[in-house]
N, C-alpha and C. Protein backbone atom coordinates (compact mmCIF):
# COMPACT_ATOMS: atom_id res chain seq x y z
N UNK A 1 15.97 -3.10 -10.03
CA UNK A 1 15.05 -2.96 -8.91
C UNK A 1 14.24 -4.24 -8.71
N UNK A 2 13.80 -4.45 -7.50
CA UNK A 2 13.01 -5.63 -7.15
C UNK A 2 11.61 -5.53 -7.78
N UNK A 3 11.16 -6.64 -8.35
CA UNK A 3 9.82 -6.71 -8.93
C UNK A 3 8.79 -6.80 -7.81
N UNK A 4 7.69 -6.08 -7.95
CA UNK A 4 6.66 -6.09 -6.91
C UNK A 4 5.60 -7.16 -7.12
N UNK A 5 5.63 -7.83 -8.27
CA UNK A 5 4.61 -8.83 -8.55
C UNK A 5 4.65 -9.93 -7.51
N UNK A 6 3.49 -10.23 -6.95
CA UNK A 6 3.28 -11.27 -5.93
C UNK A 6 3.86 -10.92 -4.56
N UNK A 7 4.35 -9.69 -4.39
CA UNK A 7 4.77 -9.25 -3.07
C UNK A 7 3.58 -9.26 -2.13
N UNK A 8 3.74 -9.85 -0.95
CA UNK A 8 2.69 -9.82 0.06
C UNK A 8 2.92 -8.58 0.91
N UNK A 9 2.11 -7.56 0.68
CA UNK A 9 2.31 -6.26 1.30
C UNK A 9 1.14 -5.88 2.19
N UNK A 10 1.42 -5.64 3.46
CA UNK A 10 0.42 -5.04 4.32
C UNK A 10 0.35 -3.56 3.98
N UNK A 11 -0.86 -3.05 3.79
CA UNK A 11 -1.04 -1.62 3.55
C UNK A 11 -1.99 -1.10 4.61
N UNK A 12 -1.46 -0.26 5.49
CA UNK A 12 -2.22 0.24 6.63
C UNK A 12 -2.60 1.70 6.42
N UNK A 13 -3.85 2.01 6.69
CA UNK A 13 -4.34 3.37 6.60
C UNK A 13 -4.65 3.89 7.99
N UNK A 14 -4.13 5.08 8.29
CA UNK A 14 -4.41 5.76 9.54
C UNK A 14 -5.31 6.96 9.25
N UNK A 15 -5.74 7.65 10.29
CA UNK A 15 -6.78 8.66 10.18
C UNK A 15 -6.41 10.01 9.60
N UNK A 16 -5.61 10.06 8.57
CA UNK A 16 -5.40 11.30 7.83
C UNK A 16 -6.42 11.29 6.69
N UNK A 17 -7.66 11.60 7.04
CA UNK A 17 -8.79 11.40 6.14
C UNK A 17 -8.70 12.20 4.85
N UNK A 18 -8.02 13.34 4.90
CA UNK A 18 -7.90 14.17 3.70
C UNK A 18 -7.07 13.51 2.61
N UNK A 19 -6.32 12.48 2.94
CA UNK A 19 -5.49 11.79 1.94
C UNK A 19 -6.11 10.47 1.46
N UNK A 20 -7.28 10.11 1.96
CA UNK A 20 -7.87 8.81 1.64
C UNK A 20 -8.15 8.63 0.15
N UNK A 21 -8.61 9.66 -0.54
CA UNK A 21 -8.90 9.50 -1.97
C UNK A 21 -7.62 9.19 -2.74
N UNK A 22 -6.53 9.87 -2.40
CA UNK A 22 -5.24 9.56 -3.04
C UNK A 22 -4.77 8.17 -2.64
N UNK A 23 -5.08 7.76 -1.41
CA UNK A 23 -4.68 6.43 -0.95
C UNK A 23 -5.42 5.34 -1.73
N UNK A 24 -6.67 5.60 -2.12
CA UNK A 24 -7.41 4.61 -2.91
C UNK A 24 -6.76 4.43 -4.28
N UNK A 25 -6.32 5.53 -4.89
CA UNK A 25 -5.62 5.46 -6.18
C UNK A 25 -4.32 4.67 -6.00
N UNK A 26 -3.60 4.94 -4.91
CA UNK A 26 -2.35 4.24 -4.63
C UNK A 26 -2.61 2.73 -4.47
N UNK A 27 -3.65 2.38 -3.73
CA UNK A 27 -4.00 0.96 -3.54
C UNK A 27 -4.26 0.28 -4.88
N UNK A 28 -5.06 0.93 -5.72
CA UNK A 28 -5.39 0.35 -7.02
C UNK A 28 -4.13 0.18 -7.85
N UNK A 29 -3.24 1.17 -7.80
CA UNK A 29 -1.99 1.09 -8.53
C UNK A 29 -1.16 -0.11 -8.07
N UNK A 30 -1.08 -0.32 -6.77
CA UNK A 30 -0.32 -1.46 -6.24
C UNK A 30 -0.91 -2.79 -6.71
N UNK A 31 -2.22 -2.90 -6.65
CA UNK A 31 -2.89 -4.12 -7.10
C UNK A 31 -2.64 -4.33 -8.60
N UNK A 32 -2.70 -3.24 -9.38
CA UNK A 32 -2.45 -3.34 -10.82
C UNK A 32 -1.02 -3.79 -11.12
N UNK A 33 -0.09 -3.49 -10.21
CA UNK A 33 1.30 -3.92 -10.37
C UNK A 33 1.51 -5.37 -9.95
N UNK A 34 0.45 -6.03 -9.47
CA UNK A 34 0.54 -7.42 -9.08
C UNK A 34 0.84 -7.65 -7.62
N UNK A 35 0.79 -6.59 -6.81
CA UNK A 35 1.04 -6.72 -5.37
C UNK A 35 -0.15 -7.39 -4.70
N UNK A 36 0.11 -8.33 -3.83
CA UNK A 36 -0.92 -9.00 -3.03
C UNK A 36 -1.09 -8.18 -1.75
N UNK A 37 -2.11 -7.31 -1.74
CA UNK A 37 -2.29 -6.34 -0.66
C UNK A 37 -3.16 -6.90 0.46
N UNK A 38 -2.65 -6.78 1.69
CA UNK A 38 -3.38 -7.14 2.90
C UNK A 38 -3.76 -5.82 3.58
N UNK A 39 -5.03 -5.41 3.51
CA UNK A 39 -5.41 -4.10 4.05
C UNK A 39 -5.55 -4.11 5.56
N UNK A 40 -5.09 -3.02 6.17
CA UNK A 40 -5.14 -2.83 7.62
C UNK A 40 -5.63 -1.40 7.86
N UNK A 41 -6.43 -1.20 8.88
CA UNK A 41 -6.86 0.15 9.23
C UNK A 41 -6.77 0.35 10.73
N UNK A 42 -6.41 1.59 11.10
CA UNK A 42 -6.41 1.95 12.52
C UNK A 42 -7.87 2.00 13.00
N UNK A 43 -8.03 2.04 14.30
CA UNK A 43 -9.39 2.14 14.86
C UNK A 43 -10.12 3.35 14.29
N UNK A 44 -9.46 4.50 14.26
CA UNK A 44 -10.10 5.73 13.77
C UNK A 44 -10.39 5.66 12.29
N UNK A 45 -9.44 5.20 11.51
CA UNK A 45 -9.65 5.11 10.06
C UNK A 45 -10.83 4.19 9.74
N UNK A 46 -10.99 3.14 10.52
CA UNK A 46 -12.04 2.17 10.27
C UNK A 46 -13.42 2.65 10.72
N UNK A 47 -13.47 3.55 11.67
CA UNK A 47 -14.77 3.85 12.28
C UNK A 47 -15.29 5.27 12.14
N UNK A 48 -14.45 6.22 11.76
CA UNK A 48 -14.87 7.62 11.75
C UNK A 48 -15.23 8.09 10.34
N UNK A 49 -16.41 8.67 10.21
CA UNK A 49 -16.81 9.34 8.97
C UNK A 49 -16.51 10.82 9.12
N UNK A 50 -16.05 11.43 8.03
CA UNK A 50 -15.68 12.85 8.06
C UNK A 50 -16.23 13.54 6.82
N UNK A 51 -15.92 14.82 6.69
CA UNK A 51 -16.35 15.57 5.50
C UNK A 51 -15.67 15.03 4.23
N UNK A 52 -14.63 14.21 4.40
CA UNK A 52 -13.94 13.64 3.25
C UNK A 52 -14.56 12.33 2.79
N UNK A 53 -15.53 11.80 3.54
CA UNK A 53 -16.22 10.58 3.15
C UNK A 53 -16.61 9.74 4.34
N UNK A 54 -17.50 8.79 4.09
CA UNK A 54 -17.97 7.94 5.18
C UNK A 54 -17.03 6.75 5.36
N UNK A 55 -16.93 6.31 6.60
CA UNK A 55 -16.07 5.17 6.92
C UNK A 55 -16.50 3.93 6.13
N UNK A 56 -17.80 3.70 6.04
CA UNK A 56 -18.28 2.50 5.33
C UNK A 56 -17.94 2.55 3.85
N UNK A 57 -18.00 3.75 3.25
CA UNK A 57 -17.63 3.86 1.83
C UNK A 57 -16.17 3.54 1.61
N UNK A 58 -15.29 4.06 2.49
CA UNK A 58 -13.86 3.78 2.34
C UNK A 58 -13.57 2.30 2.60
N UNK A 59 -14.23 1.71 3.59
CA UNK A 59 -14.05 0.28 3.86
C UNK A 59 -14.43 -0.53 2.63
N UNK A 60 -15.59 -0.20 2.04
CA UNK A 60 -16.04 -0.91 0.84
C UNK A 60 -15.03 -0.77 -0.30
N UNK A 61 -14.50 0.45 -0.50
CA UNK A 61 -13.52 0.67 -1.56
C UNK A 61 -12.26 -0.17 -1.34
N UNK A 62 -11.75 -0.13 -0.12
CA UNK A 62 -10.51 -0.87 0.18
C UNK A 62 -10.72 -2.37 -0.03
N UNK A 63 -11.83 -2.90 0.47
CA UNK A 63 -12.07 -4.33 0.34
C UNK A 63 -12.36 -4.74 -1.09
N UNK A 64 -12.98 -3.86 -1.87
CA UNK A 64 -13.22 -4.15 -3.29
C UNK A 64 -11.90 -4.15 -4.06
N UNK A 65 -11.07 -3.15 -3.83
CA UNK A 65 -9.78 -3.05 -4.54
C UNK A 65 -8.87 -4.23 -4.21
N UNK A 66 -8.79 -4.58 -2.93
CA UNK A 66 -7.83 -5.62 -2.50
C UNK A 66 -8.39 -7.03 -2.56
N UNK A 67 -9.71 -7.15 -2.51
CA UNK A 67 -10.34 -8.48 -2.49
C UNK A 67 -10.18 -9.18 -1.17
N UNK A 68 -9.85 -8.42 -0.12
CA UNK A 68 -9.65 -9.01 1.21
C UNK A 68 -10.37 -8.19 2.28
N UNK A 69 -10.79 -8.84 3.37
CA UNK A 69 -11.35 -8.06 4.48
C UNK A 69 -10.24 -7.26 5.18
N UNK A 70 -10.62 -6.13 5.71
CA UNK A 70 -9.66 -5.26 6.38
C UNK A 70 -9.33 -5.80 7.76
N UNK A 71 -8.06 -5.84 8.08
CA UNK A 71 -7.61 -6.16 9.44
C UNK A 71 -7.77 -4.88 10.25
N UNK A 72 -8.62 -4.92 11.27
CA UNK A 72 -8.91 -3.70 12.04
C UNK A 72 -8.96 -3.94 13.54
N UNK A 73 -8.39 -5.05 13.97
CA UNK A 73 -8.30 -5.31 15.41
C UNK A 73 -6.86 -5.70 15.76
N UNK A 74 -6.50 -5.47 16.98
CA UNK A 74 -5.17 -5.85 17.45
C UNK A 74 -4.99 -7.37 17.34
N UNK A 75 -6.01 -8.11 17.69
CA UNK A 75 -5.96 -9.57 17.62
C UNK A 75 -5.62 -10.05 16.22
N UNK A 76 -6.26 -9.46 15.20
CA UNK A 76 -6.04 -9.91 13.83
C UNK A 76 -4.72 -9.42 13.24
N UNK A 77 -4.17 -8.32 13.79
CA UNK A 77 -2.91 -7.78 13.28
C UNK A 77 -1.70 -8.53 13.83
N UNK A 78 -1.84 -9.11 15.00
CA UNK A 78 -0.70 -9.72 15.70
C UNK A 78 0.02 -10.80 14.89
N UNK A 79 -0.68 -11.71 14.18
CA UNK A 79 0.04 -12.78 13.50
C UNK A 79 0.75 -12.39 12.21
N UNK A 80 0.61 -11.16 11.75
CA UNK A 80 1.19 -10.77 10.46
C UNK A 80 2.68 -11.06 10.38
N UNK A 81 3.42 -10.71 11.40
CA UNK A 81 4.86 -10.97 11.42
C UNK A 81 5.21 -12.39 11.82
N UNK A 82 4.74 -12.84 12.99
CA UNK A 82 5.12 -14.19 13.45
C UNK A 82 4.78 -15.30 12.47
N UNK A 83 3.67 -15.17 11.76
CA UNK A 83 3.28 -16.22 10.80
C UNK A 83 3.76 -15.91 9.39
N UNK A 84 4.57 -14.85 9.25
CA UNK A 84 5.11 -14.43 7.94
C UNK A 84 4.01 -14.29 6.89
N UNK A 85 2.92 -13.67 7.29
CA UNK A 85 1.79 -13.47 6.38
C UNK A 85 2.11 -12.43 5.31
N UNK A 86 2.97 -11.45 5.66
CA UNK A 86 3.33 -10.41 4.71
C UNK A 86 4.86 -10.23 4.68
N UNK A 87 5.34 -9.69 3.56
CA UNK A 87 6.77 -9.50 3.36
C UNK A 87 7.24 -8.11 3.80
N UNK A 88 6.32 -7.16 3.81
CA UNK A 88 6.65 -5.77 4.16
C UNK A 88 5.35 -5.07 4.54
N UNK A 89 5.49 -3.91 5.17
CA UNK A 89 4.34 -3.12 5.58
C UNK A 89 4.50 -1.69 5.11
N UNK A 90 3.46 -1.19 4.45
CA UNK A 90 3.37 0.21 4.05
C UNK A 90 2.29 0.86 4.91
N UNK A 91 2.63 1.94 5.60
CA UNK A 91 1.63 2.70 6.35
C UNK A 91 1.42 4.00 5.59
N UNK A 92 0.24 4.10 4.95
CA UNK A 92 -0.04 5.23 4.07
C UNK A 92 -1.53 5.53 4.05
N UNK A 93 -1.96 6.59 4.66
CA UNK A 93 -1.17 7.62 5.31
C UNK A 93 -0.75 7.22 6.72
N UNK A 94 0.43 7.68 7.10
CA UNK A 94 0.94 7.49 8.46
C UNK A 94 0.81 8.82 9.19
N UNK A 95 -0.10 8.88 10.13
CA UNK A 95 -0.33 10.11 10.89
C UNK A 95 0.80 10.38 11.87
N UNK A 96 0.84 11.59 12.37
CA UNK A 96 1.80 11.93 13.40
C UNK A 96 1.60 11.10 14.64
N UNK A 97 0.37 10.76 14.96
CA UNK A 97 0.07 9.93 16.11
C UNK A 97 0.71 8.55 15.97
N UNK A 98 0.51 7.92 14.82
CA UNK A 98 1.09 6.60 14.58
C UNK A 98 2.61 6.68 14.53
N UNK A 99 3.15 7.70 13.88
CA UNK A 99 4.59 7.92 13.81
C UNK A 99 5.19 7.99 15.21
N UNK A 100 4.53 8.75 16.09
CA UNK A 100 5.00 8.90 17.46
C UNK A 100 4.95 7.57 18.22
N UNK A 101 3.89 6.82 18.00
CA UNK A 101 3.76 5.53 18.69
C UNK A 101 4.82 4.54 18.24
N UNK A 102 5.11 4.51 16.94
CA UNK A 102 6.16 3.62 16.46
C UNK A 102 7.50 4.02 17.07
N UNK A 103 7.78 5.32 17.09
CA UNK A 103 9.05 5.81 17.64
C UNK A 103 9.20 5.49 19.12
N UNK A 104 8.09 5.50 19.86
CA UNK A 104 8.15 5.28 21.31
C UNK A 104 7.68 3.89 21.74
N UNK A 105 7.54 2.98 20.77
CA UNK A 105 7.17 1.58 21.06
C UNK A 105 5.86 1.46 21.82
N UNK A 106 4.90 2.31 21.48
CA UNK A 106 3.56 2.21 22.06
C UNK A 106 2.70 1.40 21.10
N UNK A 107 2.21 0.27 21.57
CA UNK A 107 1.52 -0.66 20.68
C UNK A 107 0.07 -0.80 21.15
N UNK A 108 -0.80 0.08 20.64
CA UNK A 108 -2.19 0.04 21.09
C UNK A 108 -3.18 0.19 19.94
N UNK A 109 -2.73 -0.01 18.71
CA UNK A 109 -3.63 0.01 17.56
C UNK A 109 -3.24 -1.13 16.62
N UNK A 110 -4.15 -1.55 15.73
CA UNK A 110 -3.80 -2.61 14.78
C UNK A 110 -2.61 -2.23 13.89
N UNK A 111 -2.52 -0.96 13.50
CA UNK A 111 -1.44 -0.53 12.61
C UNK A 111 -0.09 -0.62 13.31
N UNK A 112 -0.01 -0.12 14.53
CA UNK A 112 1.27 -0.15 15.24
C UNK A 112 1.66 -1.58 15.60
N UNK A 113 0.69 -2.41 15.94
CA UNK A 113 1.02 -3.81 16.22
C UNK A 113 1.50 -4.51 14.96
N UNK A 114 0.90 -4.19 13.82
CA UNK A 114 1.37 -4.76 12.56
C UNK A 114 2.83 -4.39 12.33
N UNK A 115 3.17 -3.11 12.58
CA UNK A 115 4.55 -2.66 12.42
C UNK A 115 5.48 -3.41 13.38
N UNK A 116 5.07 -3.51 14.64
CA UNK A 116 5.91 -4.20 15.63
C UNK A 116 6.10 -5.67 15.26
N UNK A 117 5.04 -6.29 14.73
CA UNK A 117 5.13 -7.71 14.42
C UNK A 117 6.08 -7.98 13.25
N UNK A 118 6.28 -6.98 12.37
CA UNK A 118 7.25 -7.14 11.29
C UNK A 118 8.65 -6.75 11.72
N UNK A 119 8.75 -5.78 12.63
CA UNK A 119 10.07 -5.36 13.13
C UNK A 119 10.80 -6.52 13.79
N UNK A 120 10.05 -7.39 14.46
CA UNK A 120 10.68 -8.50 15.17
C UNK A 120 11.41 -9.43 14.23
N UNK A 121 10.99 -9.44 12.94
CA UNK A 121 11.62 -10.29 11.94
C UNK A 121 12.53 -9.52 10.99
N UNK A 122 12.73 -8.22 11.25
CA UNK A 122 13.60 -7.40 10.42
C UNK A 122 13.05 -7.12 9.03
N UNK A 123 11.73 -7.13 8.90
CA UNK A 123 11.12 -6.86 7.59
C UNK A 123 10.90 -5.36 7.41
N UNK A 124 10.86 -4.90 6.15
CA UNK A 124 10.73 -3.46 5.89
C UNK A 124 9.39 -2.87 6.31
N UNK A 125 9.48 -1.69 6.95
CA UNK A 125 8.32 -0.86 7.27
C UNK A 125 8.49 0.42 6.46
N UNK A 126 7.51 0.72 5.62
CA UNK A 126 7.58 1.91 4.77
C UNK A 126 6.52 2.90 5.25
N UNK A 127 6.97 4.11 5.58
CA UNK A 127 6.07 5.14 6.12
C UNK A 127 5.83 6.23 5.09
N UNK A 128 4.55 6.50 4.83
CA UNK A 128 4.15 7.61 3.97
C UNK A 128 3.44 8.61 4.88
N UNK A 129 4.22 9.54 5.42
CA UNK A 129 3.69 10.41 6.46
C UNK A 129 2.69 11.43 5.92
N UNK A 130 1.75 11.76 6.77
CA UNK A 130 0.77 12.81 6.51
C UNK A 130 0.43 13.39 7.88
N UNK A 131 1.14 14.46 8.23
CA UNK A 131 0.99 15.02 9.57
C UNK A 131 1.10 16.53 9.55
N UNK A 132 0.20 17.17 10.26
CA UNK A 132 0.22 18.63 10.34
C UNK A 132 1.33 19.17 11.22
N UNK A 133 2.04 18.29 11.94
CA UNK A 133 3.13 18.78 12.79
C UNK A 133 4.45 18.07 12.49
N UNK A 134 4.66 17.73 11.23
CA UNK A 134 5.90 17.08 10.83
C UNK A 134 7.13 17.95 11.05
N UNK A 135 6.97 19.26 10.95
CA UNK A 135 8.07 20.18 11.24
C UNK A 135 7.91 20.81 12.62
N UNK A 136 7.01 20.22 13.40
CA UNK A 136 6.79 20.65 14.79
C UNK A 136 7.23 19.52 15.71
N UNK A 137 6.32 19.10 16.57
CA UNK A 137 6.66 18.07 17.56
C UNK A 137 7.07 16.74 16.94
N UNK A 138 6.51 16.40 15.79
CA UNK A 138 6.84 15.11 15.18
C UNK A 138 8.15 15.11 14.42
N UNK A 139 8.79 16.24 14.26
CA UNK A 139 10.09 16.26 13.59
C UNK A 139 11.09 15.40 14.36
N UNK A 140 11.01 15.42 15.68
CA UNK A 140 11.89 14.59 16.50
C UNK A 140 11.66 13.11 16.22
N UNK A 141 10.39 12.71 16.07
CA UNK A 141 10.08 11.30 15.80
C UNK A 141 10.59 10.88 14.42
N UNK A 142 10.45 11.76 13.43
CA UNK A 142 10.99 11.47 12.11
C UNK A 142 12.50 11.28 12.21
N UNK A 143 13.15 12.18 12.94
CA UNK A 143 14.60 12.09 13.11
C UNK A 143 15.04 10.82 13.79
N UNK A 144 14.26 10.35 14.76
CA UNK A 144 14.61 9.09 15.45
C UNK A 144 14.43 7.88 14.54
N UNK A 145 13.38 7.92 13.70
CA UNK A 145 13.08 6.75 12.88
C UNK A 145 13.88 6.68 11.58
N UNK A 146 14.30 7.83 11.08
CA UNK A 146 14.99 7.87 9.78
C UNK A 146 16.20 6.95 9.70
N UNK A 147 17.07 6.88 10.71
CA UNK A 147 18.25 6.01 10.58
C UNK A 147 17.99 4.54 10.89
N UNK A 148 16.77 4.17 11.27
CA UNK A 148 16.48 2.77 11.58
C UNK A 148 16.64 1.93 10.32
N UNK A 149 17.37 0.86 10.40
CA UNK A 149 17.72 0.09 9.21
C UNK A 149 16.54 -0.64 8.57
N UNK A 150 15.41 -0.75 9.25
CA UNK A 150 14.25 -1.43 8.66
C UNK A 150 13.07 -0.50 8.41
N UNK A 151 13.25 0.80 8.62
CA UNK A 151 12.19 1.77 8.38
C UNK A 151 12.60 2.68 7.24
N UNK A 152 11.69 2.84 6.28
CA UNK A 152 11.94 3.62 5.08
C UNK A 152 10.82 4.65 4.92
N UNK A 153 11.15 5.78 4.35
CA UNK A 153 10.18 6.85 4.17
C UNK A 153 9.87 7.07 2.69
N UNK A 154 8.59 7.17 2.37
CA UNK A 154 8.18 7.66 1.06
C UNK A 154 8.54 9.14 1.05
N UNK A 155 9.18 9.64 -0.01
CA UNK A 155 9.56 11.06 -0.03
C UNK A 155 8.40 11.98 0.30
N UNK A 156 8.70 13.00 1.08
CA UNK A 156 7.66 13.91 1.56
C UNK A 156 8.11 15.36 1.44
N UNK A 157 7.11 16.24 1.51
CA UNK A 157 7.39 17.67 1.45
C UNK A 157 6.29 18.46 2.13
N UNK A 158 6.45 19.77 2.13
CA UNK A 158 5.44 20.66 2.71
C UNK A 158 4.33 20.85 1.69
N UNK A 159 3.13 20.41 2.04
CA UNK A 159 2.02 20.47 1.11
C UNK A 159 1.40 21.86 1.01
N UNK A 160 1.54 22.67 2.06
CA UNK A 160 1.00 24.04 2.03
C UNK A 160 1.76 24.87 3.07
N UNK A 161 2.95 25.31 2.70
CA UNK A 161 3.84 25.96 3.67
C UNK A 161 3.34 27.32 4.14
N UNK A 162 2.38 27.91 3.44
CA UNK A 162 1.84 29.20 3.87
C UNK A 162 0.75 29.00 4.92
N UNK A 163 -0.24 28.20 4.61
CA UNK A 163 -1.36 28.00 5.54
C UNK A 163 -1.04 26.97 6.63
N UNK A 164 -0.15 26.02 6.33
CA UNK A 164 0.20 24.96 7.29
C UNK A 164 1.72 24.78 7.30
N UNK A 165 2.46 25.70 7.90
CA UNK A 165 3.92 25.69 7.79
C UNK A 165 4.61 24.49 8.44
N UNK A 166 3.91 23.72 9.28
CA UNK A 166 4.53 22.57 9.94
C UNK A 166 4.11 21.24 9.31
N UNK A 167 3.24 21.29 8.32
CA UNK A 167 2.65 20.09 7.73
C UNK A 167 3.60 19.43 6.72
N UNK A 168 3.66 18.09 6.78
CA UNK A 168 4.43 17.29 5.83
C UNK A 168 3.54 16.18 5.29
N UNK A 169 3.61 15.96 3.98
CA UNK A 169 2.82 14.91 3.34
C UNK A 169 3.68 14.17 2.33
N UNK A 170 3.57 12.84 2.34
CA UNK A 170 4.31 12.01 1.40
C UNK A 170 3.71 12.09 0.01
N UNK A 171 4.55 11.94 -0.99
CA UNK A 171 4.12 11.89 -2.38
C UNK A 171 3.78 10.43 -2.71
N UNK A 172 2.49 10.10 -2.68
CA UNK A 172 2.07 8.71 -2.84
C UNK A 172 2.38 8.13 -4.22
N UNK A 173 2.67 8.98 -5.20
CA UNK A 173 3.04 8.46 -6.52
C UNK A 173 4.40 7.76 -6.47
N UNK A 174 5.18 8.04 -5.42
CA UNK A 174 6.51 7.44 -5.28
C UNK A 174 6.51 6.16 -4.44
N UNK A 175 5.32 5.70 -4.05
CA UNK A 175 5.22 4.49 -3.22
C UNK A 175 5.85 3.26 -3.89
N UNK A 176 5.51 2.93 -5.15
CA UNK A 176 6.11 1.72 -5.74
C UNK A 176 7.64 1.75 -5.76
N UNK A 177 8.23 2.88 -6.16
CA UNK A 177 9.69 2.98 -6.19
C UNK A 177 10.29 2.87 -4.79
N UNK A 178 9.61 3.47 -3.81
CA UNK A 178 10.09 3.40 -2.43
C UNK A 178 10.08 1.96 -1.93
N UNK A 179 9.00 1.24 -2.22
CA UNK A 179 8.90 -0.16 -1.79
C UNK A 179 9.99 -1.00 -2.46
N UNK A 180 10.17 -0.82 -3.76
CA UNK A 180 11.19 -1.60 -4.47
C UNK A 180 12.55 -1.45 -3.83
N UNK A 181 12.94 -0.22 -3.53
CA UNK A 181 14.25 0.01 -2.93
C UNK A 181 14.30 -0.48 -1.48
N UNK A 182 13.20 -0.32 -0.74
CA UNK A 182 13.17 -0.79 0.65
C UNK A 182 13.39 -2.30 0.71
N UNK A 183 12.85 -3.03 -0.26
CA UNK A 183 13.05 -4.48 -0.30
C UNK A 183 14.51 -4.85 -0.53
N UNK A 184 15.27 -3.90 -1.08
CA UNK A 184 16.71 -4.09 -1.27
C UNK A 184 17.52 -3.47 -0.13
N UNK A 185 16.82 -2.96 0.89
CA UNK A 185 17.49 -2.36 2.03
C UNK A 185 18.00 -0.95 1.77
N UNK A 186 17.38 -0.25 0.81
CA UNK A 186 17.82 1.10 0.45
C UNK A 186 16.69 2.11 0.63
N UNK A 187 17.06 3.31 1.09
CA UNK A 187 16.13 4.42 1.20
C UNK A 187 16.14 5.18 -0.11
N UNK A 188 14.96 5.37 -0.71
CA UNK A 188 14.86 6.17 -1.92
C UNK A 188 15.33 7.59 -1.64
N UNK A 189 15.96 8.19 -2.62
CA UNK A 189 16.45 9.56 -2.48
C UNK A 189 15.95 10.41 -3.65
N UNK A 190 15.76 11.69 -3.49
CA UNK A 190 15.82 12.39 -2.22
C UNK A 190 14.59 12.11 -1.37
N UNK A 191 14.75 12.19 -0.07
CA UNK A 191 13.65 11.94 0.86
C UNK A 191 12.75 13.17 0.96
N UNK A 192 13.33 14.34 0.89
CA UNK A 192 12.57 15.58 0.98
C UNK A 192 12.41 16.13 -0.43
N UNK A 193 11.16 16.28 -0.86
CA UNK A 193 10.85 16.72 -2.21
C UNK A 193 10.01 18.00 -2.19
N UNK A 194 10.03 18.72 -3.31
CA UNK A 194 9.17 19.88 -3.44
C UNK A 194 7.78 19.39 -3.77
N UNK A 195 6.80 19.83 -3.02
CA UNK A 195 5.43 19.35 -3.18
C UNK A 195 4.69 20.22 -4.15
């Protein structure tokens, strides 16, 4: 497998606020593995405080863990691909909204522009989905993106099939293995896991 040490990885967080605490653990794990993390946040992730925590607290955590300021504007996200600032992009959590925008080439947030800027160079985009309608309306978007040769999925499953039967969430503990294989042009298997 490909070594992750010194990998320049964009890590984008979207507004699935319930997964942010797990995302902080994931970020720390990546940094501990020697990954050079470039943090990116969607407009909502950067600005909205919720019952899961305040926006400023999460911003402080991300910037402390990575040692870098968060890219949170379209202007600042645009050069990531053209200037080869990063080798790959991980979107974790990737909301259904962002998933849909990537699938339909709608580029109106820093996260989606970061993805588009890497797609132009054929670099890997790794999606760690967290969406309440993954088995609903967004199932079509997952199906469209799954065979794309530069898009890879962190294995996901139903996090609560009784209370939220359409919800899908990626297993963030599998992020390093997913990235390693994506850098080799391979999708980690199995993609669908028991949560």
